[in-house]
Amino acid sequence: MPFSTEAEMKIQHSTFNIQHRTPKPAQGGRALDVERSALNAECSQNQRGSVLIIVLWVCIGLVSIALYFANSMTYELRASDNRASGLATDQAIEGAARYVSSVLALYATNGAVPATNLYAAAAVPVGDARFWLLGRDLSGTPSSEPFFGLIDEGSKLNLNTVNTNVLSYLPNLTPDIAQAIVDWRNTNSSGAYSLDYAQLGYQEKEAPFETVDELRLVYGSSMGLLVGDDLNRNGVLDANETNSTGSSEINRGLLEYTTVYTREPNFHSDGTSLTNVSTARPQGLQTLFEDAGVGNASSLAAQLVAQRPRQGYAGLLAFCVQCKTFGMSSSDFTRISDDVTTSTNAYIRGRVNINTAGIDVLTALLAGAGLDENTASGTAQSLITYRGQNPNNLTSVAWLVDALGNTSSAVRALARGDYVTTHSYQFTADIAAVGPFGRGYRRVKFIFDTSDGTSKIIYRQDLSRLGWALGEKARETYVATAIP
């Protein structure tokens, strides 16, 4: 709007100058600089704090990565240590197998069963590892700790030669399953039983058993029947196993009593033939007796030939009974027992070693031969008691006659066939091993055969999957206290 007077215009102009003038007082500028400096300092501090936080996070990340890799290396170190222990254990197993082969070559000649005091069987060192031979106590004494030693396959019944009468008397084995076992190996396609294997997805074998594990395929079998209460097959009841019998005895299962490997050579170790007493002439027997130092050789030979059964002797025990009937002593029979036979076969299969068989096998053998079960059980216990009291008299089947009597019904029953022996040529070495610091547990079962004159492995099975089998004492000694 136009100014009315010159005075108003000057006043207005002065006001404008005052409002738009930028004062620069000396004190006001310093305050502003101080304020700006403080602001810059605060910003600088904030920036440094942010950098510190970032650095801390980076450090934390680096430390975490370092700890992660360090932990990974720790696990890798432990894994490497375990692998090294496992390799040491594997080598201990192989070393144990060689050791057993050497033991058999030294102490199992001519069918002898090596005594447990002749070789090491528990915690045997191989470098930093150790191995054990899981065995069976022949006395049958109940125990919570495993027995260590070799297992004589001759102490078991051969699935390829035993009949249903014997099998049916084994613990927990019904006549139906006994018949199914025999039918499985029966080469007659019609079979004794009409079993529907088709619903199981396979057919019966109709051929001899190759391993005892084939029993799992037999109609009606189960793992409870085969292994019983002894889930890890070490011969004792462990803490994690339940006793189904309600007594100190355990249900051991069918695998404990059976084998397919028993085979006895029917010739001398140098390959020469034995004297067949079922066909030998008096002069041949007389010469044999004289060479062995048997007294009254001529008279004995003449009597044995004259009174010899028309079909020959059923087995070595039958010949022994006849010899003792005519006055031959047990010591004299022992002198000739390794030189005579009643068979023309190159090998004799399925004989049971009465020196090592357990009470269940002996009972089944006697009951299957015709004795009632109570008599068979009592006789079996008598035999075990006798051999425990007379360990030095078990050199031939003559001790069975000495223990029971020449007219014993049990002796007469067993003499009807070629069922028994005192020799063994096949042995199980159930080897369990632990590596350095108690790590790397392994278990492998070997079957050794010495029937050809040399010790050789004919079967091998890894049993590590069955778990710890060495008992609590070995665990406490070689695992729990073996922390490096």
Protein backbone atom coordinates (compact mmCIF):
# COMPACT_ATOMS: atom_id res chain seq x y z
CA MET A 1 0.00 0.00 0.00
CA PRO A 2 1.34 3.56 -0.62
CA PHE A 3 2.90 5.38 2.28
CA SER A 4 1.02 8.37 3.40
CA THR A 5 3.97 10.28 4.58
CA GLU A 6 7.67 10.22 4.21
CA ALA A 7 8.04 9.57 7.92
CA GLU A 8 6.04 6.35 7.73
CA MET A 9 8.11 5.19 4.82
CA LYS A 10 11.36 5.68 6.80
CA ILE A 11 9.94 3.86 9.78
CA GLN A 12 8.88 0.92 7.62
CA HIS A 13 12.25 0.75 5.94
CA SER A 14 14.05 0.77 9.27
CA THR A 15 11.86 -2.08 10.54
CA PHE A 16 12.65 -4.14 7.46
CA ASN A 17 16.37 -3.63 7.89
CA ILE A 18 16.15 -4.65 11.52
CA GLN A 19 14.21 -7.82 10.70
CA HIS A 20 16.53 -8.97 7.87
CA ARG A 21 19.86 -7.96 9.25
CA THR A 22 22.12 -10.88 10.37
CA PRO A 23 23.76 -9.84 13.59
CA LYS A 24 27.29 -11.14 14.20
CA PRO A 25 27.98 -10.42 17.80
CA ALA A 26 31.32 -11.71 19.06
CA GLN A 27 29.90 -13.71 22.01
CA GLY A 28 27.08 -15.24 19.92
CA GLY A 29 29.55 -16.65 17.34
CA ARG A 30 31.65 -18.39 19.95
CA ALA A 31 28.59 -20.07 21.43
CA LEU A 32 27.59 -21.27 18.02
CA ASP A 33 31.05 -22.70 17.40
CA VAL A 34 30.98 -24.46 20.75
CA GLU A 35 27.54 -25.81 19.95
CA ARG A 36 28.73 -27.03 16.58
CA SER A 37 31.83 -28.62 18.11
CA ALA A 38 29.70 -30.44 20.70
CA LEU A 39 27.39 -31.64 17.99
CA ASN A 40 30.30 -32.90 15.91
CA ALA A 41 31.79 -34.62 18.97
CA GLU A 42 28.50 -36.34 19.74
CA CYS A 43 28.19 -37.54 16.16
CA SER A 44 31.77 -38.79 16.25
CA GLN A 45 31.07 -40.71 19.48
CA ASN A 46 27.94 -42.25 17.99
CA GLN A 47 29.89 -43.36 14.94
CA ARG A 48 32.63 -44.88 17.06
CA GLY A 49 30.01 -46.75 19.17
CA SER A 50 28.40 -48.13 16.05
CA VAL A 51 31.76 -49.28 14.75
CA LEU A 52 32.51 -50.90 18.14
CA ILE A 53 29.22 -52.78 18.06
CA ILE A 54 29.88 -53.96 14.52
CA VAL A 55 33.39 -55.04 15.47
CA LEU A 56 32.02 -56.90 18.50
CA TRP A 57 29.48 -58.71 16.35
CA VAL A 58 32.21 -59.61 13.86
CA CYS A 59 34.37 -60.88 16.73
CA ILE A 60 31.50 -62.89 18.11
CA GLY A 61 30.91 -64.38 14.67
CA LEU A 62 34.57 -65.24 14.23
CA VAL A 63 34.75 -66.77 17.72
CA SER A 64 31.60 -68.79 16.97
CA ILE A 65 33.09 -70.03 13.72
CA ALA A 66 36.33 -70.90 15.50
CA LEU A 67 34.43 -72.77 18.22
CA TYR A 68 32.34 -74.56 15.62
CA PHE A 69 35.38 -75.76 13.70
CA ALA A 70 37.20 -76.62 16.92
CA ASN A 71 34.20 -78.71 18.02
CA SER A 72 34.06 -80.30 14.60
CA MET A 73 37.72 -81.14 14.83
CA THR A 74 37.12 -82.64 18.28
CA TYR A 75 34.41 -84.90 16.87
CA GLU A 76 36.58 -85.71 13.90
CA LEU A 77 39.44 -86.56 16.24
CA ARG A 78 37.18 -88.85 18.24
CA ALA A 79 35.84 -90.40 15.05
CA SER A 80 39.39 -90.94 13.79
CA ASP A 81 40.33 -92.44 17.15
CA ASN A 82 37.32 -94.75 16.96
CA ARG A 83 38.22 -95.72 13.40
CA ALA A 84 41.78 -96.42 14.48
CA SER A 85 40.48 -98.47 17.43
CA GLY A 86 38.15 -100.32 15.08
CA LEU A 87 41.04 -101.15 12.75
CA ALA A 88 43.10 -102.32 15.72
CA THR A 89 40.18 -104.51 16.82
CA ASP A 90 39.78 -105.96 13.33
CA GLN A 91 43.45 -106.87 13.35
CA ALA A 92 43.04 -108.38 16.81
CA ILE A 93 40.25 -110.58 15.41
CA GLU A 94 42.48 -111.71 12.56
CA GLY A 95 45.36 -112.29 14.96
CA ALA A 96 43.07 -114.32 17.22
CA ALA A 97 42.01 -116.50 14.28
CA ARG A 98 45.66 -117.22 13.49
CA TYR A 99 46.32 -117.93 17.15
CA VAL A 100 43.44 -120.42 17.32
CA SER A 101 44.69 -122.13 14.16
CA SER A 102 48.09 -122.51 15.81
CA VAL A 103 46.53 -123.86 19.03
CA LEU A 104 44.57 -126.47 17.09
CA ALA A 105 47.66 -127.50 15.13
CA LEU A 106 49.56 -128.02 18.39
CA TYR A 107 46.95 -129.48 20.73
CA ALA A 108 44.08 -130.86 18.61
CA THR A 109 45.96 -133.61 16.87
CA ASN A 110 44.17 -136.91 16.21
CA GLY A 111 40.83 -135.51 17.35
CA ALA A 112 41.90 -134.31 20.79
CA VAL A 113 40.01 -131.41 22.39
CA PRO A 114 42.55 -128.84 23.64
CA ALA A 115 42.33 -128.33 27.40
CA THR A 116 41.60 -124.73 28.37
CA ASN A 117 44.81 -124.52 30.41
CA LEU A 118 46.89 -125.05 27.26
CA TYR A 119 46.00 -121.73 25.62
CA ALA A 120 45.00 -118.17 26.51
CA ALA A 121 41.32 -117.34 26.05
CA ALA A 122 40.60 -114.13 28.00
CA ALA A 123 41.90 -110.58 27.47
CA VAL A 124 44.71 -111.74 25.21
CA PRO A 125 46.69 -108.66 24.08
CA VAL A 126 47.31 -107.96 20.41
CA GLY A 127 49.11 -104.64 20.40
CA ASP A 128 46.86 -102.23 22.30
CA ALA A 129 43.76 -104.35 21.59
CA ARG A 130 42.58 -107.50 23.38
CA PHE A 131 40.50 -110.51 22.40
CA TRP A 132 38.43 -113.17 24.17
CA LEU A 133 37.20 -116.61 23.08
CA LEU A 134 33.59 -117.00 24.18
CA GLY A 135 33.11 -120.62 25.20
CA ARG A 136 30.89 -122.90 27.26
CA ASP A 137 31.51 -124.41 30.69
CA LEU A 138 31.36 -128.20 30.37
CA SER A 139 30.31 -128.57 34.00
CA GLY A 140 27.08 -126.70 33.28
CA THR A 141 27.49 -124.56 36.41
CA PRO A 142 25.16 -121.52 36.20
CA SER A 143 27.05 -118.24 35.99
CA SER A 144 26.40 -114.58 35.23
CA GLU A 145 29.79 -114.19 33.55
CA PRO A 146 30.80 -115.83 30.26
CA PHE A 147 33.13 -118.80 30.15
CA PHE A 148 36.14 -118.41 27.87
CA GLY A 149 37.52 -121.09 25.60
CA LEU A 150 36.94 -122.95 22.34
CA ILE A 151 33.59 -124.62 21.66
CA ASP A 152 33.62 -128.22 20.49
CA GLU A 153 31.22 -128.72 17.60
CA GLY A 154 31.35 -132.43 18.38
CA SER A 155 29.38 -131.73 21.55
CA LYS A 156 26.31 -130.97 19.42
CA LEU A 157 23.79 -132.90 17.34
CA ASN A 158 24.31 -132.84 13.58
CA LEU A 159 21.19 -131.55 11.81
CA ASN A 160 22.01 -133.64 8.73
CA THR A 161 22.20 -137.02 10.50
CA VAL A 162 20.05 -136.81 13.64
CA ASN A 163 16.56 -138.28 13.54
CA THR A 164 13.27 -136.90 14.81
CA ASN A 165 13.33 -139.16 17.89
CA VAL A 166 16.45 -137.39 19.16
CA LEU A 167 15.49 -133.88 18.07
CA SER A 168 12.09 -134.01 19.75
CA TYR A 169 13.75 -134.44 23.16
CA LEU A 170 15.72 -131.21 22.94
CA PRO A 171 14.35 -128.41 25.19
CA ASN A 172 11.28 -126.63 23.81
CA LEU A 173 11.32 -128.60 20.56
CA THR A 174 8.00 -130.14 19.59
CA PRO A 175 7.68 -133.30 17.47
CA ASP A 176 6.15 -131.18 14.68
CA ILE A 177 9.17 -128.89 14.44
CA ALA A 178 11.53 -131.86 14.76
CA GLN A 179 9.78 -133.47 11.81
CA ALA A 180 9.87 -130.19 9.87
CA ILE A 181 13.64 -130.02 10.37
CA VAL A 182 14.14 -133.53 9.02
CA ASP A 183 11.70 -132.83 6.18
CA TRP A 184 13.68 -129.72 5.20
CA ARG A 185 16.78 -131.81 4.46
CA ASN A 186 14.87 -134.77 3.05
CA THR A 187 15.81 -135.35 -0.59
CA ASN A 188 12.50 -137.11 -1.17
CA SER A 189 10.31 -134.42 -2.74
CA SER A 190 7.16 -135.91 -1.23
CA GLY A 191 8.49 -135.25 2.27
CA ALA A 192 7.18 -136.68 5.50
CA TYR A 193 5.06 -133.60 6.06
CA SER A 194 2.96 -131.51 3.75
CA LEU A 195 4.21 -128.06 4.68
CA ASP A 196 3.00 -124.96 2.87
CA TYR A 197 6.24 -123.08 2.27
CA ALA A 198 4.64 -121.29 -0.68
CA GLN A 199 2.89 -118.89 1.70
CA LEU A 200 6.34 -117.97 3.04
CA GLY A 201 7.57 -117.14 -0.45
CA TYR A 202 10.01 -120.04 -0.92
CA GLN A 203 10.18 -123.81 -1.12
CA GLU A 204 11.72 -126.32 1.26
CA LYS A 205 15.34 -127.06 0.47
CA GLU A 206 15.23 -130.87 0.18
CA ALA A 207 19.01 -130.95 0.63
CA PRO A 208 21.39 -131.08 3.60
CA PHE A 209 21.75 -128.07 5.88
CA GLU A 210 24.76 -125.92 5.04
CA THR A 211 24.65 -123.81 8.22
CA VAL A 212 22.64 -123.92 11.43
CA ASP A 213 21.23 -120.51 10.53
CA GLU A 214 19.12 -122.25 7.90
CA LEU A 215 16.88 -123.28 10.79
CA ARG A 216 15.34 -119.81 10.52
CA LEU A 217 13.79 -120.94 7.24
CA VAL A 218 12.24 -124.14 8.61
CA TYR A 219 8.48 -124.03 8.92
CA GLY A 220 7.38 -123.20 12.47
CA SER A 221 10.75 -121.91 13.71
CA SER A 222 11.19 -118.57 15.46
CA MET A 223 14.06 -116.62 16.99
CA GLY A 224 12.68 -117.46 20.43
CA LEU A 225 13.02 -121.14 19.60
CA LEU A 226 16.47 -120.75 18.05
CA VAL A 227 18.21 -118.49 20.60
CA GLY A 228 15.94 -118.79 23.64
CA ASP A 229 16.70 -116.32 26.42
CA ASP A 230 20.33 -115.88 25.35
CA LEU A 231 19.79 -113.06 22.86
CA ASN A 232 23.47 -112.32 22.32
CA ARG A 233 24.45 -116.02 22.27
CA ASN A 234 27.25 -115.81 24.81
CA GLY A 235 26.06 -118.71 26.97
CA VAL A 236 24.92 -116.71 30.01
CA LEU A 237 21.98 -114.56 31.01
CA ASP A 238 22.98 -110.90 30.85
CA ALA A 239 21.29 -108.03 32.68
CA ASN A 240 19.17 -107.09 29.67
CA GLU A 241 17.97 -110.67 29.09
CA THR A 242 14.97 -112.27 30.76
CA ASN A 243 14.96 -115.77 32.19
CA SER A 244 11.84 -117.54 30.95
CA THR A 245 12.44 -120.76 32.90
CA GLY A 246 12.06 -119.34 36.40
CA SER A 247 15.15 -121.25 37.58
CA SER A 248 18.92 -120.88 37.56
CA GLU A 249 18.98 -122.57 34.15
CA ILE A 250 18.20 -120.55 31.05
CA ASN A 251 16.48 -121.47 27.84
CA ARG A 252 19.46 -121.62 25.49
CA GLY A 253 17.68 -122.24 22.21
CA LEU A 254 18.15 -124.77 19.43
CA LEU A 255 21.28 -123.12 17.98
CA GLU A 256 23.12 -124.07 21.16
CA TYR A 257 22.58 -127.79 20.60
CA THR A 258 23.00 -128.28 16.86
CA THR A 259 25.69 -128.19 14.20
CA VAL A 260 26.25 -129.26 10.59
CA TYR A 261 30.03 -129.63 10.68
CA THR A 262 30.85 -132.81 12.64
CA ARG A 263 32.99 -135.05 10.46
CA GLU A 264 35.54 -137.62 11.64
CA PRO A 265 38.19 -139.02 9.30
CA ASN A 266 38.04 -142.79 8.91
CA PHE A 267 41.76 -143.17 8.26
CA HIS A 268 45.08 -142.56 9.97
CA SER A 269 46.68 -139.12 9.92
CA ASP A 270 49.17 -140.38 7.32
CA GLY A 271 46.33 -141.49 5.05
CA THR A 272 46.57 -145.24 5.68
CA SER A 273 43.40 -147.23 6.33
CA LEU A 274 42.06 -148.29 9.71
CA THR A 275 41.31 -151.92 10.50
CA ASN A 276 37.64 -152.64 9.87
CA VAL A 277 36.64 -154.93 12.75
CA SER A 278 33.37 -155.80 11.00
CA THR A 279 35.25 -157.63 8.24
CA ALA A 280 38.71 -158.35 9.66
CA ARG A 281 39.94 -161.93 9.92
CA PRO A 282 41.23 -163.39 13.20
CA GLN A 283 44.86 -163.10 12.12
CA GLY A 284 44.41 -159.44 11.26
CA LEU A 285 42.89 -158.67 14.64
CA GLN A 286 45.53 -160.72 16.43
CA THR A 287 48.30 -158.77 14.71
CA LEU A 288 46.60 -155.49 15.62
CA PHE A 289 46.25 -156.51 19.24
CA GLU A 290 49.82 -157.75 19.51
CA ASP A 291 51.25 -154.59 17.97
CA ALA A 292 49.25 -152.53 20.48
CA GLY A 293 50.42 -154.63 23.42
CA VAL A 294 47.03 -156.14 24.24
CA GLY A 295 47.25 -159.29 26.35
CA ASN A 296 45.77 -162.62 25.26
CA ALA A 297 45.61 -161.32 21.69
CA SER A 298 45.07 -164.66 19.95
CA SER A 299 42.13 -165.75 22.10
CA LEU A 300 40.45 -162.33 21.97
CA ALA A 301 40.73 -162.11 18.20
CA ALA A 302 39.24 -165.58 17.72
CA GLN A 303 36.32 -164.87 20.07
CA LEU A 304 35.53 -161.48 18.53
CA VAL A 305 35.38 -162.92 15.02
CA ALA A 306 33.39 -165.97 16.10
CA GLN A 307 30.81 -163.91 17.99
CA ARG A 308 30.74 -161.02 15.57
CA PRO A 309 27.21 -159.97 14.48
CA ARG A 310 26.31 -161.20 11.02
CA GLN A 311 25.84 -157.64 9.76
CA GLY A 312 28.99 -156.45 11.51
CA TYR A 313 29.33 -154.05 14.41
CA ALA A 314 26.94 -151.10 14.35
CA GLY A 315 29.59 -148.78 15.74
CA LEU A 316 32.70 -148.45 17.82
CA LEU A 317 30.77 -148.70 21.10
CA ALA A 318 29.25 -152.03 20.06
CA PHE A 319 32.73 -153.37 19.36
CA CYS A 320 33.92 -152.02 22.72
CA VAL A 321 31.10 -153.79 24.58
CA GLN A 322 31.99 -157.05 22.86
CA CYS A 323 35.68 -156.64 23.68
CA LYS A 324 34.96 -156.00 27.36
CA THR A 325 32.56 -158.96 27.43
CA PHE A 326 35.49 -161.17 26.46
CA GLY A 327 37.74 -159.68 29.11
CA MET A 328 39.56 -156.85 27.40
CA SER A 329 40.39 -154.00 29.80
CA SER A 330 39.52 -150.38 29.12
CA SER A 331 43.21 -149.48 28.92
CA ASP A 332 43.78 -152.18 26.29
CA PHE A 333 40.80 -151.01 24.28
CA THR A 334 42.16 -147.47 24.39
CA ARG A 335 45.39 -148.76 22.82
CA ILE A 336 43.54 -150.03 19.74
CA SER A 337 40.59 -147.60 19.55
CA ASP A 338 42.33 -145.15 17.19
CA ASP A 339 43.28 -147.94 14.80
CA VAL A 340 39.90 -149.61 14.27
CA THR A 341 36.65 -148.75 12.52
CA THR A 342 33.29 -150.29 11.70
CA SER A 343 32.64 -148.28 8.52
CA THR A 344 33.99 -148.16 4.99
CA ASN A 345 33.18 -144.48 4.49
CA ALA A 346 36.05 -142.02 4.17
CA TYR A 347 34.45 -139.80 6.81
CA ILE A 348 31.96 -140.56 9.56
CA ARG A 349 29.47 -137.77 10.18
CA GLY A 350 27.25 -136.92 13.08
CA ARG A 351 28.94 -138.63 16.03
CA VAL A 352 28.55 -136.87 19.39
CA ASN A 353 31.63 -136.42 21.57
CA ILE A 354 30.59 -137.79 24.96
CA ASN A 355 33.58 -136.04 26.57
CA THR A 356 32.17 -132.58 25.86
CA ALA A 357 28.42 -132.93 25.22
CA GLY A 358 26.14 -131.12 27.66
CA ILE A 359 23.35 -132.67 29.66
CA ASP A 360 20.61 -131.63 27.21
CA VAL A 361 22.36 -133.18 24.22
CA LEU A 362 23.19 -136.37 26.12
CA THR A 363 19.61 -136.64 27.37
CA ALA A 364 18.19 -136.21 23.88
CA LEU A 365 20.68 -138.73 22.48
CA LEU A 366 19.80 -141.34 25.11
CA ALA A 367 16.05 -140.73 24.91
CA GLY A 368 16.17 -140.89 21.14
CA ALA A 369 17.96 -144.23 21.41
CA GLY A 370 15.05 -145.71 23.34
CA LEU A 371 15.37 -144.77 27.02
CA ASP A 372 12.49 -143.05 28.78
CA GLU A 373 13.13 -139.36 29.40
CA ASN A 374 13.65 -139.59 33.17
CA THR A 375 16.14 -142.45 32.82
CA ALA A 376 17.89 -140.62 30.00
CA SER A 377 18.21 -137.45 32.09
CA GLY A 378 19.55 -139.31 35.10
CA THR A 379 22.02 -141.25 32.98
CA ALA A 380 23.23 -138.06 31.31
CA GLN A 381 23.89 -136.50 34.71
CA SER A 382 25.77 -139.63 35.79
CA LEU A 383 28.01 -139.38 32.75
CA ILE A 384 28.77 -135.71 33.41
CA THR A 385 29.55 -136.48 37.05
CA TYR A 386 31.83 -139.39 36.08
CA ARG A 387 33.84 -137.42 33.55
CA GLY A 388 34.24 -134.57 36.05
CA GLN A 389 35.68 -137.00 38.60
CA ASN A 390 37.80 -138.96 36.11
CA PRO A 391 39.25 -136.44 33.65
CA ASN A 392 42.22 -138.69 32.81
CA ASN A 393 40.13 -141.74 31.86
CA LEU A 394 38.24 -140.23 28.92
CA THR A 395 40.53 -141.48 26.17
CA SER A 396 38.05 -143.81 24.44
CA VAL A 397 34.38 -144.78 24.48
CA ALA A 398 35.32 -147.49 26.98
CA TRP A 399 34.86 -144.98 29.79
CA LEU A 400 31.13 -144.87 29.02
CA VAL A 401 30.98 -148.62 29.71
CA ASP A 402 33.03 -148.15 32.87
CA ALA A 403 30.70 -145.40 34.09
CA LEU A 404 27.41 -147.22 33.41
CA GLY A 405 28.28 -150.91 33.31
CA ASN A 406 28.56 -153.42 30.50
CA THR A 407 24.93 -154.46 30.81
CA SER A 408 23.50 -150.97 31.20
CA SER A 409 20.38 -150.30 29.13
CA ALA A 410 21.88 -146.95 28.10
CA VAL A 411 25.05 -148.62 26.83
CA ARG A 412 23.05 -151.24 24.96
CA ALA A 413 20.83 -148.56 23.41
CA LEU A 414 23.76 -146.45 22.21
CA ALA A 415 25.56 -149.56 20.92
CA ARG A 416 22.80 -150.10 18.34
CA GLY A 417 24.25 -147.36 16.17
CA ASP A 418 27.42 -145.38 15.52
CA TYR A 419 26.39 -142.43 17.69
CA VAL A 420 29.28 -141.58 20.02
CA THR A 421 32.98 -140.79 19.97
CA THR A 422 35.66 -139.20 22.11
CA HIS A 423 37.25 -137.29 19.23
CA SER A 424 36.46 -133.89 17.73
CA TYR A 425 37.76 -132.28 14.57
CA GLN A 426 35.62 -129.13 14.32
CA PHE A 427 35.74 -126.23 16.75
CA THR A 428 34.07 -122.85 17.11
CA ALA A 429 36.17 -119.84 18.00
CA ASP A 430 33.67 -117.15 18.99
CA ILE A 431 36.08 -114.21 19.09
CA ALA A 432 35.17 -110.87 20.67
CA ALA A 433 37.73 -108.06 20.73
CA VAL A 434 38.08 -104.53 22.10
CA GLY A 435 40.50 -101.93 20.75
CA PRO A 436 42.64 -99.34 22.58
CA PHE A 437 40.85 -97.43 25.36
CA GLY A 438 37.99 -99.93 25.27
CA ARG A 439 36.73 -98.80 21.86
CA GLY A 440 35.97 -100.55 18.61
CA TYR A 441 34.13 -103.66 19.89
CA ARG A 442 33.92 -106.47 17.34
CA ARG A 443 32.75 -110.09 17.44
CA VAL A 444 33.25 -112.75 14.78
CA LYS A 445 32.50 -116.47 14.95
CA PHE A 446 34.83 -118.89 13.14
CA ILE A 447 34.40 -122.61 12.54
CA PHE A 448 37.69 -124.50 12.22
CA ASP A 449 37.99 -127.97 10.66
CA THR A 450 41.00 -130.20 11.32
CA SER A 451 39.64 -133.43 9.80
CA ASP A 452 42.02 -133.22 6.81
CA GLY A 453 45.08 -132.94 9.02
CA THR A 454 45.44 -129.16 8.87
CA SER A 455 43.43 -126.45 10.58
CA LYS A 456 41.31 -124.40 8.21
CA ILE A 457 38.44 -121.96 8.51
CA ILE A 458 35.26 -123.32 6.92
CA TYR A 459 32.77 -120.72 8.19
CA ARG A 460 32.88 -117.11 9.35
CA GLN A 461 30.03 -114.96 10.70
CA ASP A 462 30.07 -111.41 12.08
CA LEU A 463 28.10 -111.27 15.35
CA SER A 464 28.94 -107.69 16.35
CA ARG A 465 25.29 -106.76 15.79
CA LEU A 466 24.30 -108.84 18.82
CA GLY A 467 25.93 -106.32 21.16
CA TRP A 468 28.25 -106.64 24.12
CA ALA A 469 28.86 -110.28 25.07
CA LEU A 470 31.87 -110.18 27.41
CA GLY A 471 29.99 -109.61 30.66
CA GLU A 472 30.18 -106.84 33.24
CA LYS A 473 33.65 -107.64 34.57
CA ALA A 474 35.27 -107.14 31.20
CA ARG A 475 33.25 -103.96 30.65
CA GLU A 476 34.32 -102.51 34.00
CA THR A 477 37.95 -103.50 33.48
CA TYR A 478 38.57 -102.72 29.84
CA VAL A 479 35.94 -100.13 28.91
CA ALA A 480 34.72 -98.09 31.87
CA THR A 481 38.23 -97.54 33.26
CA ALA A 482 40.01 -97.25 29.92
CA ILE A 483 39.44 -93.53 29.34
CA PRO A 484 42.74 -91.99 28.14
